[in-house]
Amino acid sequence: MTLLGKSFTVIIFLLSLSFMVLALAVNASHRNWRDVVLGPSGYKEKIEAISRENEQLEDAKQRAQAALSREQVARRTALASLQTQLDQLQEELQLRISSVQKLEGELSNLAQVDKIRAEELQSLTDTTANLRDQVRKEQQDRDALFAQTLVLQDKLNEARGVRLEFESRNKNLQAELTRFREIADHMGIDPEAPLDGAPPERNGNVLVVNRTKGLAEVSIGMDDGIRPGHELEVTRKSRYIGRLKVLKATPNRAVGEIMKDYSEGFILEGDRVDTSID
């Protein structure tokens, strides 16, 4: 046998010994898990015991919760009954307090009335004495008033004649005023318009702008006192934009020429128009 063969034989022998020791160690540490789980005092029996105990505890918990719920319901019922009784007692107490206050007020009023009546009685006694004196004086004054009445009757008749004359003149003036108003309406004259020809205080908005012709249409017209020749100021959010000179006016519209000398911006639809600005 060669040296190499001997070396392999020794190595195989050593490996055999190693495997034998390993097998003995494994066999020594081996446990029968079936017996551990299913055997007496095994894990299965312990789990079942714990489960039974858990079921018992859960049942006891449910019974305790049911008892607690019944106790809570009973206490709420008792508290509601007590609260109702308390409310009734408070209401009754309030009614009695109100009754006592009412009686006290009536007693105070009666005392006040009694005092007032005593004062009135004394006052009436004094007044009766004064009235006797006044009756005598009134009889004297009556004669004097009768004489004055005769004088006043004459003056009244005179005043009636003057009143009839004024009423006649008033009717004539009313007729003249009505005729004047008809003539003014026919001629398109506003009696309330300023005598200097200036337009009244009015405001409106720009409706249409014709930049080619330099014209703008506004939402105020003759009904607002606007006449041809009037000048209108144009602003936008308190900013001065320009001025229009009215060329044509209808009852609710007016067309004006954009005055370039006063232009400080482009006039747009929606801009505010005023007859005058401060």
Protein backbone atom coordinates (compact mmCIF):
# COMPACT_ATOMS: atom_id res chain seq x y z
CA MET A 1 0.00 0.00 0.00
CA THR A 2 1.39 3.38 -0.92
CA LEU A 3 1.70 6.40 1.32
CA LEU A 4 -1.21 8.10 -0.36
CA GLY A 5 -3.47 5.14 0.29
CA LYS A 6 -2.49 5.07 3.93
CA SER A 7 -3.20 8.79 4.25
CA PHE A 8 -6.71 8.34 2.82
CA THR A 9 -7.31 5.41 5.14
CA VAL A 10 -6.36 7.52 8.22
CA ILE A 11 -8.52 10.42 7.03
CA ILE A 12 -11.53 8.13 6.48
CA PHE A 13 -11.02 6.64 9.94
CA LEU A 14 -10.95 10.07 11.55
CA LEU A 15 -14.05 11.19 9.69
CA SER A 16 -15.86 8.02 10.76
CA LEU A 17 -15.04 8.77 14.38
CA SER A 18 -16.28 12.37 13.95
CA PHE A 19 -19.60 11.26 12.45
CA MET A 20 -20.05 8.69 15.23
CA VAL A 21 -19.52 11.34 17.93
CA LEU A 22 -21.91 13.70 16.15
CA ALA A 23 -24.59 10.99 15.91
CA LEU A 24 -24.25 10.20 19.62
CA ALA A 25 -24.61 13.92 20.46
CA VAL A 26 -27.70 14.28 18.29
CA ASN A 27 -29.29 11.19 19.80
CA ALA A 28 -28.60 12.48 23.31
CA SER A 29 -30.22 15.87 22.62
CA HIS A 30 -33.27 14.48 20.73
CA ARG A 31 -36.77 15.14 22.31
CA ASN A 32 -40.13 13.57 21.48
CA TRP A 33 -42.16 16.69 20.65
CA ARG A 34 -45.39 14.75 20.27
CA ASP A 35 -45.17 13.68 23.89
CA VAL A 36 -44.33 17.28 24.86
CA VAL A 37 -47.44 18.61 23.11
CA LEU A 38 -49.99 15.76 23.56
CA GLY A 39 -48.70 14.04 26.67
CA PRO A 40 -49.87 14.61 30.24
CA SER A 41 -49.26 18.21 31.34
CA GLY A 42 -48.40 18.96 27.71
CA TYR A 43 -48.88 22.19 25.88
CA LYS A 44 -52.25 21.14 24.46
CA GLU A 45 -53.69 20.42 27.88
CA LYS A 46 -52.33 23.72 29.20
CA ILE A 47 -53.85 25.62 26.24
CA GLU A 48 -57.22 23.95 26.77
CA ALA A 49 -57.11 24.79 30.50
CA ILE A 50 -56.24 28.41 29.71
CA SER A 51 -59.07 28.54 27.11
CA ARG A 52 -61.60 27.21 29.62
CA GLU A 53 -60.43 29.73 32.19
CA ASN A 54 -60.64 32.52 29.58
CA GLU A 55 -64.21 31.47 28.70
CA GLN A 56 -65.15 31.51 32.36
CA LEU A 57 -63.61 34.96 32.79
CA GLU A 58 -65.38 36.23 29.66
CA ASP A 59 -68.71 34.89 30.92
CA ALA A 60 -68.12 36.52 34.29
CA LYS A 61 -67.23 39.78 32.51
CA GLN A 62 -70.47 39.73 30.50
CA ARG A 63 -72.53 39.03 33.61
CA ALA A 64 -70.77 41.89 35.41
CA GLN A 65 -71.40 44.24 32.45
CA ALA A 66 -75.07 43.24 32.33
CA ALA A 67 -75.39 43.85 36.05
CA LEU A 68 -73.61 47.20 35.66
CA SER A 69 -75.95 48.20 32.81
CA ARG A 70 -79.00 47.31 34.89
CA GLU A 71 -77.59 49.26 37.80
CA GLN A 72 -76.91 52.29 35.53
CA VAL A 73 -80.44 52.16 34.10
CA ALA A 74 -81.89 51.92 37.59
CA ARG A 75 -79.76 54.86 38.76
CA ARG A 76 -80.69 56.98 35.73
CA THR A 77 -84.35 56.22 36.35
CA ALA A 78 -84.00 57.13 39.99
CA LEU A 79 -82.10 60.34 39.12
CA ALA A 80 -84.75 61.31 36.54
CA SER A 81 -87.49 60.76 39.11
CA LEU A 82 -85.59 62.82 41.69
CA GLN A 83 -84.93 65.56 39.12
CA THR A 84 -88.64 65.66 38.22
CA GLN A 85 -89.53 65.96 41.88
CA LEU A 86 -86.90 68.68 42.30
CA ASP A 87 -88.26 70.62 39.29
CA GLN A 88 -91.79 70.35 40.65
CA LEU A 89 -90.68 71.56 44.07
CA GLN A 90 -88.72 74.45 42.52
CA GLU A 91 -91.71 75.42 40.38
CA GLU A 92 -94.00 75.29 43.39
CA LEU A 93 -91.50 77.36 45.40
CA GLN A 94 -91.26 79.91 42.59
CA LEU A 95 -95.06 80.15 42.40
CA ARG A 96 -95.30 80.72 46.13
CA ILE A 97 -92.54 83.34 46.01
CA SER A 98 -94.37 85.08 43.14
CA SER A 99 -97.63 84.94 45.11
CA VAL A 100 -95.97 86.45 48.18
CA GLN A 101 -94.36 89.18 46.06
CA LYS A 102 -97.69 89.90 44.38
CA LEU A 103 -99.43 90.16 47.76
CA GLU A 104 -96.71 92.46 49.05
CA GLY A 105 -97.07 94.62 45.94
CA GLU A 106 -100.85 94.78 46.33
CA LEU A 107 -100.45 95.71 50.01
CA SER A 108 -98.02 98.48 49.07
CA ASN A 109 -100.37 99.72 46.36
CA LEU A 110 -103.30 99.74 48.77
CA ALA A 111 -101.30 101.74 51.28
CA GLN A 112 -100.27 104.15 48.53
CA VAL A 113 -103.85 104.47 47.29
CA ASP A 114 -105.09 105.12 50.82
CA LYS A 115 -102.49 107.85 51.25
CA ILE A 116 -103.34 109.38 47.86
CA ARG A 117 -107.08 109.37 48.62
CA ALA A 118 -106.50 111.07 51.94
CA GLU A 119 -104.48 113.74 50.17
CA GLU A 120 -107.17 114.04 47.46
CA LEU A 121 -109.85 114.48 50.13
CA GLN A 122 -107.91 117.29 51.71
CA SER A 123 -107.26 118.82 48.30
CA LEU A 124 -110.94 118.59 47.37
CA THR A 125 -111.90 120.30 50.60
CA ASP A 126 -109.52 123.13 49.82
CA THR A 127 -110.67 123.22 46.20
CA THR A 128 -114.33 123.48 47.23
CA ALA A 129 -113.56 126.56 49.26
CA ASN A 130 -111.60 128.06 46.38
CA LEU A 131 -114.38 127.22 43.92
CA ARG A 132 -116.93 129.17 45.99
CA ASP A 133 -114.69 132.21 45.69
CA GLN A 134 -114.13 131.57 41.98
CA VAL A 135 -117.86 131.21 41.27
CA ARG A 136 -118.45 134.65 42.63
CA LYS A 137 -115.56 136.01 40.63
CA GLU A 138 -116.68 134.14 37.48
CA GLN A 139 -120.12 135.69 37.73
CA GLN A 140 -118.50 139.09 37.70
CA ASP A 141 -116.19 138.13 34.84
CA ARG A 142 -119.13 136.66 32.87
CA ASP A 143 -120.76 140.03 32.56
CA ALA A 144 -117.51 141.55 31.35
CA LEU A 145 -116.99 138.68 28.87
CA PHE A 146 -120.48 139.11 27.47
CA ALA A 147 -119.65 142.68 26.58
CA GLN A 148 -116.37 141.53 25.00
CA THR A 149 -118.26 138.82 23.09
CA LEU A 150 -120.38 141.39 21.39
CA VAL A 151 -117.25 143.25 20.29
CA LEU A 152 -115.56 140.02 19.12
CA GLN A 153 -118.68 138.99 17.19
CA ASP A 154 -118.43 142.16 15.17
CA LYS A 155 -114.73 141.51 14.51
CA LEU A 156 -115.50 137.89 13.56
CA ASN A 157 -118.03 138.96 10.96
CA GLU A 158 -115.46 141.35 9.54
CA ALA A 159 -112.81 138.57 9.49
CA ARG A 160 -115.22 136.25 7.68
CA GLY A 161 -115.61 138.79 4.92
CA VAL A 162 -111.82 139.10 4.62
CA ARG A 163 -111.48 135.30 4.54
CA LEU A 164 -114.03 135.00 1.71
CA GLU A 165 -112.06 137.58 -0.24
CA PHE A 166 -108.77 135.68 0.34
CA GLU A 167 -110.38 132.38 -0.66
CA SER A 168 -111.55 133.92 -3.93
CA ARG A 169 -108.07 135.30 -4.63
CA ASN A 170 -106.50 131.91 -3.70
CA LYS A 171 -108.75 130.11 -6.22
CA ASN A 172 -107.69 132.55 -8.92
CA LEU A 173 -104.00 132.06 -8.05
CA GLN A 174 -104.44 128.25 -8.08
CA ALA A 175 -105.98 128.45 -11.55
CA GLU A 176 -103.11 130.66 -12.78
CA LEU A 177 -100.54 128.27 -11.26
CA THR A 178 -102.18 125.26 -12.94
CA ARG A 179 -102.16 127.10 -16.27
CA PHE A 180 -98.50 128.03 -15.80
CA ARG A 181 -97.54 124.41 -15.09
CA GLU A 182 -99.41 123.21 -18.20
CA ILE A 183 -97.58 125.77 -20.32
CA ALA A 184 -94.21 124.85 -18.74
CA ASP A 185 -94.79 121.13 -19.35
CA HIS A 186 -95.81 121.83 -22.94
CA MET A 187 -92.68 123.91 -23.54
CA GLY A 188 -90.40 121.46 -21.67
CA ILE A 189 -89.55 123.93 -18.90
CA ASP A 190 -88.64 122.58 -15.48
CA PRO A 191 -89.84 125.10 -12.83
CA GLU A 192 -87.34 123.67 -10.36
CA ALA A 193 -84.38 124.08 -12.74
CA PRO A 194 -81.79 126.71 -11.66
CA LEU A 195 -82.34 130.13 -13.19
CA ASP A 196 -78.69 130.32 -14.38
CA GLY A 197 -79.28 127.37 -16.79
CA ALA A 198 -77.03 124.97 -14.88
CA PRO A 199 -78.26 121.34 -14.72
CA PRO A 200 -79.56 119.97 -11.41
CA GLU A 201 -77.44 117.65 -9.29
CA ARG A 202 -77.72 114.31 -11.11
CA ASN A 203 -75.45 111.33 -11.82
CA GLY A 204 -75.50 108.35 -14.16
CA ASN A 205 -73.22 106.08 -16.19
CA VAL A 206 -71.62 105.99 -19.64
CA LEU A 207 -73.56 103.48 -21.78
CA VAL A 208 -71.87 103.63 -25.22
CA VAL A 209 -68.64 105.25 -26.45
CA ASN A 210 -68.10 106.08 -30.17
CA ARG A 211 -64.42 106.96 -30.35
CA THR A 212 -64.53 107.50 -34.13
CA LYS A 213 -67.02 110.35 -33.77
CA GLY A 214 -65.84 111.36 -30.30
CA LEU A 215 -69.30 110.85 -28.79
CA ALA A 216 -70.62 109.10 -25.66
CA GLU A 217 -74.16 108.13 -24.62
CA VAL A 218 -75.12 108.44 -20.93
CA SER A 219 -78.02 107.10 -18.78
CA ILE A 220 -79.51 110.50 -17.77
CA GLY A 221 -81.68 112.72 -19.97
CA MET A 222 -84.38 115.35 -20.10
CA ASP A 223 -86.36 113.77 -17.25
CA ASP A 224 -83.30 114.43 -15.07
CA GLY A 225 -83.05 118.08 -16.17
CA ILE A 226 -80.36 117.51 -18.81
CA ARG A 227 -80.51 119.86 -21.83
CA PRO A 228 -78.28 120.39 -24.88
CA GLY A 229 -75.34 122.58 -23.97
CA HIS A 230 -74.96 121.20 -20.43
CA GLU A 231 -71.55 119.83 -19.49
CA LEU A 232 -71.11 116.52 -17.64
CA GLU A 233 -68.08 115.40 -15.62
CA VAL A 234 -66.78 111.82 -16.11
CA THR A 235 -64.97 109.97 -13.29
CA ARG A 236 -63.88 106.40 -12.58
CA LYS A 237 -63.49 105.32 -8.94
CA SER A 238 -63.12 108.98 -7.82
CA ARG A 239 -60.50 109.60 -10.60
CA TYR A 240 -61.26 112.44 -13.01
CA ILE A 241 -61.39 111.19 -16.65
CA GLY A 242 -62.88 113.99 -18.75
CA ARG A 243 -65.90 116.12 -19.69
CA LEU A 244 -68.84 115.73 -22.09
CA LYS A 245 -70.86 118.50 -23.73
CA VAL A 246 -74.47 117.45 -24.29
CA LEU A 247 -75.51 117.64 -27.97
CA LYS A 248 -78.83 115.77 -27.81
CA ALA A 249 -81.13 114.70 -24.97
CA THR A 250 -84.11 112.33 -24.79
CA PRO A 251 -86.29 111.62 -21.71
CA ASN A 252 -83.84 109.02 -20.28
CA ARG A 253 -80.71 109.29 -22.45
CA ALA A 254 -78.28 111.95 -23.64
CA VAL A 255 -75.47 112.08 -26.20
CA GLY A 256 -72.46 114.24 -25.51
CA GLU A 257 -69.30 115.26 -27.32
CA ILE A 258 -66.02 114.27 -25.64
CA MET A 259 -64.19 117.52 -24.86
CA LYS A 260 -60.56 116.82 -25.67
CA ASP A 261 -59.25 119.85 -23.75
CA TYR A 262 -60.46 118.25 -20.47
CA SER A 263 -59.46 114.66 -21.27
CA GLU A 264 -57.25 112.93 -18.72
CA GLY A 265 -57.85 109.37 -19.91
CA PHE A 266 -60.02 107.22 -22.15
CA ILE A 267 -63.73 107.30 -21.33
CA LEU A 268 -65.07 103.74 -20.97
CA GLU A 269 -68.53 102.18 -20.70
CA GLY A 270 -69.60 102.11 -17.04
CA ASP A 271 -67.74 105.30 -16.02
CA ARG A 272 -69.68 107.60 -13.64
CA VAL A 273 -71.23 110.77 -15.00
CA ASP A 274 -72.11 113.79 -12.76
CA THR A 275 -73.56 117.18 -13.60
CA SER A 276 -71.01 118.64 -11.21
CA ILE A 277 -68.27 117.43 -8.88
CA ASP A 278 -66.84 119.07 -5.80
